[in-house]
Amino acid sequence: MYWTLELPSKLEDAPWPASKDELIDYAMRSGAPLEVIENLQEMEDEGEIYESIEDIWPDYPSKEDFFFNEEEY
């Protein structure tokens, strides 16, 4: 399983909180790349409910991580 910056962004609009099966279903319906679906399928399923993308990939960068000043534009 591997995540790139692009892959988890496909789950940003997922219906959080969600279970693993709900996330897989969302990824399939939204046309996410096959790699996203495969990564979700490889996650251990302990009946866990995920509150956000950070629960799946704790290192997922937030908007603050990019040092982008929207007021400049």
C-alpha atoms as a PDB file:
ATOM      1  CA  MET A   1       0.000   0.000   0.000  1.00  0.00           C
ATOM      2  CA  TYR A   2       1.319   3.420  -0.889  1.00  0.00           C
ATOM      3  CA  TRP A   3      -0.165   6.898  -0.843  1.00  0.00           C
ATOM      4  CA  THR A   4       0.921   9.846  -2.921  1.00  0.00           C
ATOM      5  CA  LEU A   5      -0.328  13.385  -2.366  1.00  0.00           C
ATOM      6  CA  GLU A   6      -2.813  12.966  -5.194  1.00  0.00           C
ATOM      7  CA  LEU A   7      -4.426   9.711  -4.056  1.00  0.00           C
ATOM      8  CA  PRO A   8      -5.852  10.697  -0.659  1.00  0.00           C
ATOM      9  CA  SER A   9      -7.151  13.950  -2.132  1.00  0.00           C
ATOM     10  CA  LYS A  10      -9.719  11.799  -3.968  1.00  0.00           C
ATOM     11  CA  LEU A  11     -11.258  11.031  -0.567  1.00  0.00           C
ATOM     12  CA  GLU A  12     -11.462  14.599   0.780  1.00  0.00           C
ATOM     13  CA  ASP A  13     -15.161  14.873  -0.103  1.00  0.00           C
ATOM     14  CA  ALA A  14     -16.053  11.407   1.175  1.00  0.00           C
ATOM     15  CA  PRO A  15     -19.008  11.196   3.582  1.00  0.00           C
ATOM     16  CA  TRP A  16     -17.002  11.362   6.821  1.00  0.00           C
ATOM     17  CA  PRO A  17     -17.240   9.618   9.267  1.00  0.00           C
ATOM     18  CA  ALA A  18     -17.160   6.420   7.238  1.00  0.00           C
ATOM     19  CA  SER A  19     -16.274   2.758   7.493  1.00  0.00           C
ATOM     20  CA  LYS A  20     -13.772   1.029   5.235  1.00  0.00           C
ATOM     21  CA  ASP A  21     -16.581  -0.411   3.073  1.00  0.00           C
ATOM     22  CA  GLU A  22     -18.256   2.993   2.764  1.00  0.00           C
ATOM     23  CA  LEU A  23     -14.975   4.556   1.665  1.00  0.00           C
ATOM     24  CA  ILE A  24     -14.424   1.841  -0.947  1.00  0.00           C
ATOM     25  CA  ASP A  25     -17.970   2.341  -2.227  1.00  0.00           C
ATOM     26  CA  TYR A  26     -17.465   6.116  -2.384  1.00  0.00           C
ATOM     27  CA  ALA A  27     -14.139   5.721  -4.207  1.00  0.00           C
ATOM     28  CA  MET A  28     -15.729   3.430  -6.802  1.00  0.00           C
ATOM     29  CA  ARG A  29     -18.754   5.686  -7.360  1.00  0.00           C
ATOM     30  CA  SER A  30     -16.670   8.861  -7.581  1.00  0.00           C
ATOM     31  CA  GLY A  31     -14.290   7.429 -10.173  1.00  0.00           C
ATOM     32  CA  ALA A  32     -11.200   7.460  -7.971  1.00  0.00           C
ATOM     33  CA  PRO A  33      -8.069   5.855  -9.435  1.00  0.00           C
ATOM     34  CA  LEU A  34      -7.698   2.103  -8.961  1.00  0.00           C
ATOM     35  CA  GLU A  35      -4.752   2.714  -6.612  1.00  0.00           C
ATOM     36  CA  VAL A  36      -7.067   4.446  -4.107  1.00  0.00           C
ATOM     37  CA  ILE A  37      -9.458   1.493  -4.093  1.00  0.00           C
ATOM     38  CA  GLU A  38      -6.603  -1.003  -3.764  1.00  0.00           C
ATOM     39  CA  ASN A  39      -5.102   0.956  -0.846  1.00  0.00           C
ATOM     40  CA  LEU A  40      -8.446   1.014   0.936  1.00  0.00           C
ATOM     41  CA  GLN A  41      -8.931  -2.712   0.367  1.00  0.00           C
ATOM     42  CA  GLU A  42      -5.491  -3.447   1.860  1.00  0.00           C
ATOM     43  CA  MET A  43      -6.311  -1.639   5.116  1.00  0.00           C
ATOM     44  CA  GLU A  44      -6.995  -3.882   8.089  1.00  0.00           C
ATOM     45  CA  ASP A  45     -10.711  -3.881   8.830  1.00  0.00           C
ATOM     46  CA  GLU A  46     -11.538  -3.974  12.490  1.00  0.00           C
ATOM     47  CA  GLY A  47     -14.957  -2.387  12.076  1.00  0.00           C
ATOM     48  CA  GLU A  48     -13.354   0.983  12.621  1.00  0.00           C
ATOM     49  CA  ILE A  49     -15.078   4.240  11.717  1.00  0.00           C
ATOM     50  CA  TYR A  50     -12.742   6.829  10.195  1.00  0.00           C
ATOM     51  CA  GLU A  51     -13.441  10.463  11.058  1.00  0.00           C
ATOM     52  CA  SER A  52     -11.242  12.009   8.344  1.00  0.00           C
ATOM     53  CA  ILE A  53      -8.456  11.320   5.874  1.00  0.00           C
ATOM     54  CA  GLU A  54      -5.959  11.861   8.713  1.00  0.00           C
ATOM     55  CA  ASP A  55      -7.222   8.647  10.339  1.00  0.00           C
ATOM     56  CA  ILE A  56      -6.161   6.751   7.218  1.00  0.00           C
ATOM     57  CA  TRP A  57      -2.987   8.682   6.422  1.00  0.00           C
ATOM     58  CA  PRO A  58      -1.795  10.657   9.486  1.00  0.00           C
ATOM     59  CA  ASP A  59       0.846  12.492   7.424  1.00  0.00           C
ATOM     60  CA  TYR A  60      -1.722  13.949   5.016  1.00  0.00           C
ATOM     61  CA  PRO A  61      -0.755  17.614   4.604  1.00  0.00           C
ATOM     62  CA  SER A  62      -3.254  20.277   5.540  1.00  0.00           C
ATOM     63  CA  LYS A  63      -3.629  23.580   3.720  1.00  0.00           C
ATOM     64  CA  GLU A  64      -1.394  25.202   6.323  1.00  0.00           C
ATOM     65  CA  ASP A  65       1.447  22.903   5.280  1.00  0.00           C
ATOM     66  CA  PHE A  66       1.718  24.562   1.875  1.00  0.00           C
ATOM     67  CA  PHE A  67       2.424  28.125   3.095  1.00  0.00           C
ATOM     68  CA  PHE A  68       0.071  29.521   0.472  1.00  0.00           C
ATOM     69  CA  ASN A  69      -1.186  32.997   1.248  1.00  0.00           C
ATOM     70  CA  GLU A  70      -4.592  33.314  -0.431  1.00  0.00           C
ATOM     71  CA  GLU A  71      -4.796  37.003   0.450  1.00  0.00           C
ATOM     72  CA  GLU A  72      -1.979  37.804  -1.978  1.00  0.00           C
ATOM     73  CA  TYR A  73      -4.107  36.843  -4.993  1.00  0.00           C
END
